[in-house]
Every structure is written in C-alpha cells, then in structure tokens.
Amino acid sequence: MTVIHSAEFAREGGVLDGVIPVAAMLRLSDQLASSGGEIRWSLSGSVDRFERPRLNLTVSGELQLVCQRCLAPMAWSLDVSTVLTQFPTEEQADEAAELDETLETVLIDPALDVPALIEEEVLLALPYAPLHEQCAAPGDEPLQSNTKPNPFAVLAQMKTRKAE
C-alpha cells in the first residue's frame, strides 16, 4: 500500500506509477464479469497558477464488465485522466468549485492511500449500464442438449390421444 502526503507530494512535483491487479480492487468486484487483468496508473504532482496543489492521475486498462442487455461478459476499455485540485477545507473547495465548474476538488490528505484513490477513479469512470454495441442473438449460442425427456411431452401425447 502506497501512502503519500498529498499536498507535499504535489508541491515537490512527485511522480509515481505502477500496475494494480483488478482482483485487488475489492469494491470493483461486484461490477465485473471477471477479475482478471491489470490497471496501469500514473500519479504526478504539481501546483496550478494560484499555487494550489494538484494531483494528475492517469488510469488505463481493460475490464470485463457484464452487458446489461444480454448479461454476457464484455470487454471495456478504461482510459481516464483526472486533475484533482487540493484544498485544506471543504468550504474552500466548494467556493472554488462554484467559481469554476470544471474544477475537480479533493481535500488535502496527510495519509492519502494511492491504491484507494485509483480504485475510486475507476469506479467513477464505469458506465452506469454497460451495453454491447450489438448483442449476440439468443440462437447464436449453442444449446446444451437435454438428455432427460420433457415430462409435459408425455402429457401432450395423452391429451392428443383422448381427442381422437
């Protein structure tokens, strides 16, 4: 687990990068068809023109989501770049966000858990209802052969014989 002081990291121009297995992201697991794969990430610090500390986060990879139309697995490409401007108080963050609606704000954290931040960004990037562009037709999948006779078929034959 990588922990940083977010404001110091930003002011010093720190740089971190790495890879996290998708299986390690526990809050993400119920959204996935498969927990295989990896998420590549890069975090760098800087200050903006107002000398406010910023975190520049880039996250990429491929996730296996569940199509909400056909319930089959589907590959979904993740490519997120976020700039998080840091503030010491919630009030200052709210005030800045009112002045600039495009500003993404976070509070300065002396013990920022980097993997948790990355997982949060992945969760925020997920589509609300992932869908294939075109789902496979139900007849496209091979049917499993059913070796047991259908009990209602016997009843249907009995009903046909009585009618004769």
C-alpha atoms as a PDB file:
ATOM      1  CA  MET A   1       0.000   0.000   0.000  1.00  0.00           C
ATOM      2  CA  THR A   2       1.438   3.352  -1.073  1.00  0.00           C
ATOM      3  CA  VAL A   3       0.570   6.284   1.196  1.00  0.00           C
ATOM      4  CA  ILE A   4       1.592   9.891   0.489  1.00  0.00           C
ATOM      5  CA  HIS A   5       1.024  13.343   1.967  1.00  0.00           C
ATOM      6  CA  SER A   6      -0.989  14.680  -0.956  1.00  0.00           C
ATOM      7  CA  ALA A   7      -0.046  18.391  -0.706  1.00  0.00           C
ATOM      8  CA  GLU A   8       3.678  17.760  -0.126  1.00  0.00           C
ATOM      9  CA  PHE A   9       3.730  15.245  -2.987  1.00  0.00           C
ATOM     10  CA  ALA A  10       2.152  17.841  -5.292  1.00  0.00           C
ATOM     11  CA  ARG A  11       4.363  20.754  -4.228  1.00  0.00           C
ATOM     12  CA  GLU A  12       7.518  18.643  -4.646  1.00  0.00           C
ATOM     13  CA  GLY A  13       6.427  17.528  -8.131  1.00  0.00           C
ATOM     14  CA  GLY A  14       6.399  13.886  -7.102  1.00  0.00           C
ATOM     15  CA  VAL A  15       5.840  11.110  -9.632  1.00  0.00           C
ATOM     16  CA  LEU A  16       4.598   7.560  -9.017  1.00  0.00           C
ATOM     17  CA  ASP A  17       3.400   4.885 -11.405  1.00  0.00           C
ATOM     18  CA  GLY A  18       2.621   1.215 -11.345  1.00  0.00           C
ATOM     19  CA  VAL A  19       0.226  -1.620 -12.025  1.00  0.00           C
ATOM     20  CA  ILE A  20      -2.579  -2.918  -9.803  1.00  0.00           C
ATOM     21  CA  PRO A  21      -4.261  -6.287 -10.418  1.00  0.00           C
ATOM     22  CA  VAL A  22      -8.000  -5.872 -10.990  1.00  0.00           C
ATOM     23  CA  ALA A  23      -8.560  -8.640  -8.405  1.00  0.00           C
ATOM     24  CA  ALA A  24      -7.036  -6.367  -5.729  1.00  0.00           C
ATOM     25  CA  MET A  25      -9.832  -3.817  -6.192  1.00  0.00           C
ATOM     26  CA  LEU A  26     -12.456  -5.283  -3.883  1.00  0.00           C
ATOM     27  CA  ARG A  27     -15.088  -2.535  -4.251  1.00  0.00           C
ATOM     28  CA  LEU A  28     -14.963  -3.027  -8.012  1.00  0.00           C
ATOM     29  CA  SER A  29     -15.529  -6.798  -7.942  1.00  0.00           C
ATOM     30  CA  ASP A  30     -19.353  -6.787  -7.973  1.00  0.00           C
ATOM     31  CA  GLN A  31     -19.326  -4.743 -11.220  1.00  0.00           C
ATOM     32  CA  LEU A  32     -17.137  -7.228 -13.101  1.00  0.00           C
ATOM     33  CA  ALA A  33     -17.715 -10.400 -15.095  1.00  0.00           C
ATOM     34  CA  SER A  34     -14.102 -11.404 -14.399  1.00  0.00           C
ATOM     35  CA  SER A  35     -11.455 -10.055 -12.033  1.00  0.00           C
ATOM     36  CA  GLY A  36      -8.596 -10.852 -14.400  1.00  0.00           C
ATOM     37  CA  GLY A  37      -6.319  -8.188 -15.833  1.00  0.00           C
ATOM     38  CA  GLU A  38      -4.382  -5.189 -14.605  1.00  0.00           C
ATOM     39  CA  ILE A  39      -4.840  -1.455 -14.252  1.00  0.00           C
ATOM     40  CA  ARG A  40      -1.881   0.753 -15.213  1.00  0.00           C
ATOM     41  CA  TRP A  41      -1.658   4.091 -13.408  1.00  0.00           C
ATOM     42  CA  SER A  42       0.486   7.185 -13.139  1.00  0.00           C
ATOM     43  CA  LEU A  43       0.280   9.916 -10.475  1.00  0.00           C
ATOM     44  CA  SER A  44       2.172  13.184 -10.631  1.00  0.00           C
ATOM     45  CA  GLY A  45       2.038  16.314  -8.524  1.00  0.00           C
ATOM     46  CA  SER A  46       2.101  19.958  -9.497  1.00  0.00           C
ATOM     47  CA  VAL A  47       0.731  23.358  -8.499  1.00  0.00           C
ATOM     48  CA  ASP A  48      -1.674  25.480 -10.549  1.00  0.00           C
ATOM     49  CA  ARG A  49      -1.373  29.199 -11.333  1.00  0.00           C
ATOM     50  CA  PHE A  50      -2.910  30.005  -7.933  1.00  0.00           C
ATOM     51  CA  GLU A  51      -0.235  27.862  -6.196  1.00  0.00           C
ATOM     52  CA  ARG A  52      -2.837  25.244  -5.226  1.00  0.00           C
ATOM     53  CA  PRO A  53      -1.501  21.671  -5.074  1.00  0.00           C
ATOM     54  CA  ARG A  54      -2.794  19.331  -7.779  1.00  0.00           C
ATOM     55  CA  LEU A  55      -2.658  15.603  -8.424  1.00  0.00           C
ATOM     56  CA  ASN A  56      -2.593  14.470 -12.053  1.00  0.00           C
ATOM     57  CA  LEU A  57      -3.867  10.896 -12.272  1.00  0.00           C
ATOM     58  CA  THR A  58      -3.929   8.705 -15.371  1.00  0.00           C
ATOM     59  CA  VAL A  59      -5.506   5.241 -15.243  1.00  0.00           C
ATOM     60  CA  SER A  60      -5.824   2.741 -18.094  1.00  0.00           C
ATOM     61  CA  GLY A  61      -6.583  -0.907 -18.691  1.00  0.00           C
ATOM     62  CA  GLU A  62      -9.306  -3.264 -19.833  1.00  0.00           C
ATOM     63  CA  LEU A  63     -12.100  -4.532 -17.607  1.00  0.00           C
ATOM     64  CA  GLN A  64     -14.540  -7.367 -18.165  1.00  0.00           C
ATOM     65  CA  LEU A  65     -17.987  -5.930 -17.396  1.00  0.00           C
ATOM     66  CA  VAL A  66     -21.433  -7.536 -17.650  1.00  0.00           C
ATOM     67  CA  CYS A  67     -23.609  -6.320 -20.524  1.00  0.00           C
ATOM     68  CA  GLN A  68     -26.908  -5.204 -19.007  1.00  0.00           C
ATOM     69  CA  ARG A  69     -28.865  -6.232 -22.110  1.00  0.00           C
ATOM     70  CA  CYS A  70     -27.694  -9.819 -22.646  1.00  0.00           C
ATOM     71  CA  LEU A  71     -25.836 -10.413 -19.322  1.00  0.00           C
ATOM     72  CA  ALA A  72     -22.783 -11.719 -21.203  1.00  0.00           C
ATOM     73  CA  PRO A  73     -19.229 -10.562 -20.432  1.00  0.00           C
ATOM     74  CA  MET A  74     -17.951  -7.629 -22.441  1.00  0.00           C
ATOM     75  CA  ALA A  75     -14.527  -6.022 -22.706  1.00  0.00           C
ATOM     76  CA  TRP A  76     -14.498  -2.346 -21.708  1.00  0.00           C
ATOM     77  CA  SER A  77     -11.502  -0.117 -22.287  1.00  0.00           C
ATOM     78  CA  LEU A  78     -10.583   2.220 -19.437  1.00  0.00           C
ATOM     79  CA  ASP A  79      -8.606   5.386 -20.147  1.00  0.00           C
ATOM     80  CA  VAL A  80      -9.015   8.176 -17.566  1.00  0.00           C
ATOM     81  CA  SER A  81      -7.035  11.351 -16.974  1.00  0.00           C
ATOM     82  CA  THR A  82      -8.031  13.451 -13.973  1.00  0.00           C
ATOM     83  CA  VAL A  83      -6.624  16.585 -12.386  1.00  0.00           C
ATOM     84  CA  LEU A  84      -7.566  16.852  -8.704  1.00  0.00           C
ATOM     85  CA  THR A  85      -7.045  20.285  -7.155  1.00  0.00           C
ATOM     86  CA  GLN A  86      -6.489  20.088  -3.402  1.00  0.00           C
ATOM     87  CA  PHE A  87      -7.891  22.347  -0.695  1.00  0.00           C
ATOM     88  CA  PRO A  88      -7.400  22.422   3.096  1.00  0.00           C
ATOM     89  CA  THR A  89     -11.136  22.752   3.881  1.00  0.00           C
ATOM     90  CA  GLU A  90     -14.439  21.706   2.360  1.00  0.00           C
ATOM     91  CA  GLU A  91     -15.608  25.341   2.331  1.00  0.00           C
ATOM     92  CA  GLN A  92     -12.636  26.457   0.224  1.00  0.00           C
ATOM     93  CA  ALA A  93     -13.173  23.545  -2.165  1.00  0.00           C
ATOM     94  CA  ASP A  94     -16.883  24.376  -2.544  1.00  0.00           C
ATOM     95  CA  GLU A  95     -16.131  28.061  -3.131  1.00  0.00           C
ATOM     96  CA  ALA A  96     -13.562  27.259  -5.832  1.00  0.00           C
ATOM     97  CA  ALA A  97     -15.914  24.751  -7.488  1.00  0.00           C
ATOM     98  CA  GLU A  98     -18.645  27.405  -7.667  1.00  0.00           C
ATOM     99  CA  LEU A  99     -16.267  29.749  -9.496  1.00  0.00           C
ATOM    100  CA  ASP A 100     -15.006  27.041 -11.872  1.00  0.00           C
ATOM    101  CA  GLU A 101     -17.476  24.234 -12.640  1.00  0.00           C
ATOM    102  CA  THR A 102     -14.806  22.162 -14.420  1.00  0.00           C
ATOM    103  CA  LEU A 103     -12.626  22.001 -11.297  1.00  0.00           C
ATOM    104  CA  GLU A 104     -12.396  18.610  -9.577  1.00  0.00           C
ATOM    105  CA  THR A 105     -11.596  19.120  -5.917  1.00  0.00           C
ATOM    106  CA  VAL A 106     -10.306  16.954  -3.067  1.00  0.00           C
ATOM    107  CA  LEU A 107      -9.220  17.746   0.449  1.00  0.00           C
ATOM    108  CA  ILE A 108      -5.533  17.702   1.350  1.00  0.00           C
ATOM    109  CA  ASP A 109      -4.817  14.324   2.924  1.00  0.00           C
ATOM    110  CA  PRO A 110      -1.654  13.770   5.008  1.00  0.00           C
ATOM    111  CA  ALA A 111      -2.096   9.997   4.538  1.00  0.00           C
ATOM    112  CA  LEU A 112      -3.572   9.533   1.045  1.00  0.00           C
ATOM    113  CA  ASP A 113      -3.931   5.856   0.133  1.00  0.00           C
ATOM    114  CA  VAL A 114      -2.932   5.841  -3.557  1.00  0.00           C
ATOM    115  CA  PRO A 115      -4.481   2.435  -4.470  1.00  0.00           C
ATOM    116  CA  ALA A 116      -7.793   3.569  -2.902  1.00  0.00           C
ATOM    117  CA  LEU A 117      -7.659   6.786  -4.960  1.00  0.00           C
ATOM    118  CA  ILE A 118      -7.055   4.770  -8.131  1.00  0.00           C
ATOM    119  CA  GLU A 119      -9.918   2.398  -7.344  1.00  0.00           C
ATOM    120  CA  GLU A 120     -12.211   5.374  -6.716  1.00  0.00           C
ATOM    121  CA  GLU A 121     -11.345   6.855 -10.118  1.00  0.00           C
ATOM    122  CA  VAL A 122     -12.021   3.502 -11.819  1.00  0.00           C
ATOM    123  CA  LEU A 123     -15.411   3.251 -10.081  1.00  0.00           C
ATOM    124  CA  LEU A 124     -16.311   6.797 -11.143  1.00  0.00           C
ATOM    125  CA  ALA A 125     -15.362   6.025 -14.759  1.00  0.00           C
ATOM    126  CA  LEU A 126     -17.553   2.917 -15.085  1.00  0.00           C
ATOM    127  CA  PRO A 127     -20.597   3.251 -17.331  1.00  0.00           C
ATOM    128  CA  TYR A 128     -23.923   3.225 -15.484  1.00  0.00           C
ATOM    129  CA  ALA A 129     -25.321   0.444 -17.666  1.00  0.00           C
ATOM    130  CA  PRO A 130     -22.644  -1.160 -19.856  1.00  0.00           C
ATOM    131  CA  LEU A 131     -24.004  -2.493 -23.157  1.00  0.00           C
ATOM    132  CA  HIS A 132     -22.526  -4.274 -26.152  1.00  0.00           C
ATOM    133  CA  GLU A 133     -22.862  -2.250 -29.340  1.00  0.00           C
ATOM    134  CA  GLN A 134     -24.746  -5.258 -30.651  1.00  0.00           C
ATOM    135  CA  CYS A 135     -25.553  -8.274 -28.510  1.00  0.00           C
ATOM    136  CA  ALA A 136     -25.451 -11.792 -29.924  1.00  0.00           C
ATOM    137  CA  ALA A 137     -28.861 -13.191 -30.861  1.00  0.00           C
ATOM    138  CA  PRO A 138     -30.174 -15.844 -28.467  1.00  0.00           C
ATOM    139  CA  GLY A 139     -29.916 -18.542 -31.186  1.00  0.00           C
ATOM    140  CA  ASP A 140     -26.233 -17.767 -31.829  1.00  0.00           C
ATOM    141  CA  GLU A 141     -25.088 -19.672 -28.764  1.00  0.00           C
ATOM    142  CA  PRO A 142     -25.003 -23.465 -28.952  1.00  0.00           C
ATOM    143  CA  LEU A 143     -27.799 -25.010 -26.955  1.00  0.00           C
ATOM    144  CA  GLN A 144     -26.965 -27.590 -24.348  1.00  0.00           C
ATOM    145  CA  SER A 145     -28.507 -30.942 -25.175  1.00  0.00           C
ATOM    146  CA  ASN A 146     -31.086 -32.034 -22.672  1.00  0.00           C
ATOM    147  CA  THR A 147     -30.959 -35.829 -22.283  1.00  0.00           C
ATOM    148  CA  LYS A 148     -33.997 -36.035 -19.982  1.00  0.00           C
ATOM    149  CA  PRO A 149     -37.358 -36.339 -21.698  1.00  0.00           C
ATOM    150  CA  ASN A 150     -39.733 -33.464 -21.111  1.00  0.00           C
ATOM    151  CA  PRO A 151     -42.463 -34.734 -18.737  1.00  0.00           C
ATOM    152  CA  PHE A 152     -45.018 -32.439 -20.359  1.00  0.00           C
ATOM    153  CA  ALA A 153     -44.413 -34.022 -23.764  1.00  0.00           C
ATOM    154  CA  VAL A 154     -45.891 -37.265 -22.432  1.00  0.00           C
ATOM    155  CA  LEU A 155     -48.949 -35.378 -21.162  1.00  0.00           C
ATOM    156  CA  ALA A 156     -49.349 -33.662 -24.522  1.00  0.00           C
ATOM    157  CA  GLN A 157     -49.379 -37.050 -26.272  1.00  0.00           C
ATOM    158  CA  MET A 158     -52.010 -38.376 -23.835  1.00  0.00           C
ATOM    159  CA  LYS A 159     -54.193 -35.326 -24.445  1.00  0.00           C
ATOM    160  CA  THR A 160     -53.912 -35.797 -28.238  1.00  0.00           C
ATOM    161  CA  ARG A 161     -54.960 -39.473 -27.985  1.00  0.00           C
ATOM    162  CA  LYS A 162     -58.104 -38.643 -25.955  1.00  0.00           C
ATOM    163  CA  ALA A 163     -59.182 -36.093 -28.516  1.00  0.00           C
ATOM    164  CA  GLU A 164     -59.114 -38.713 -31.307  1.00  0.00           C
END
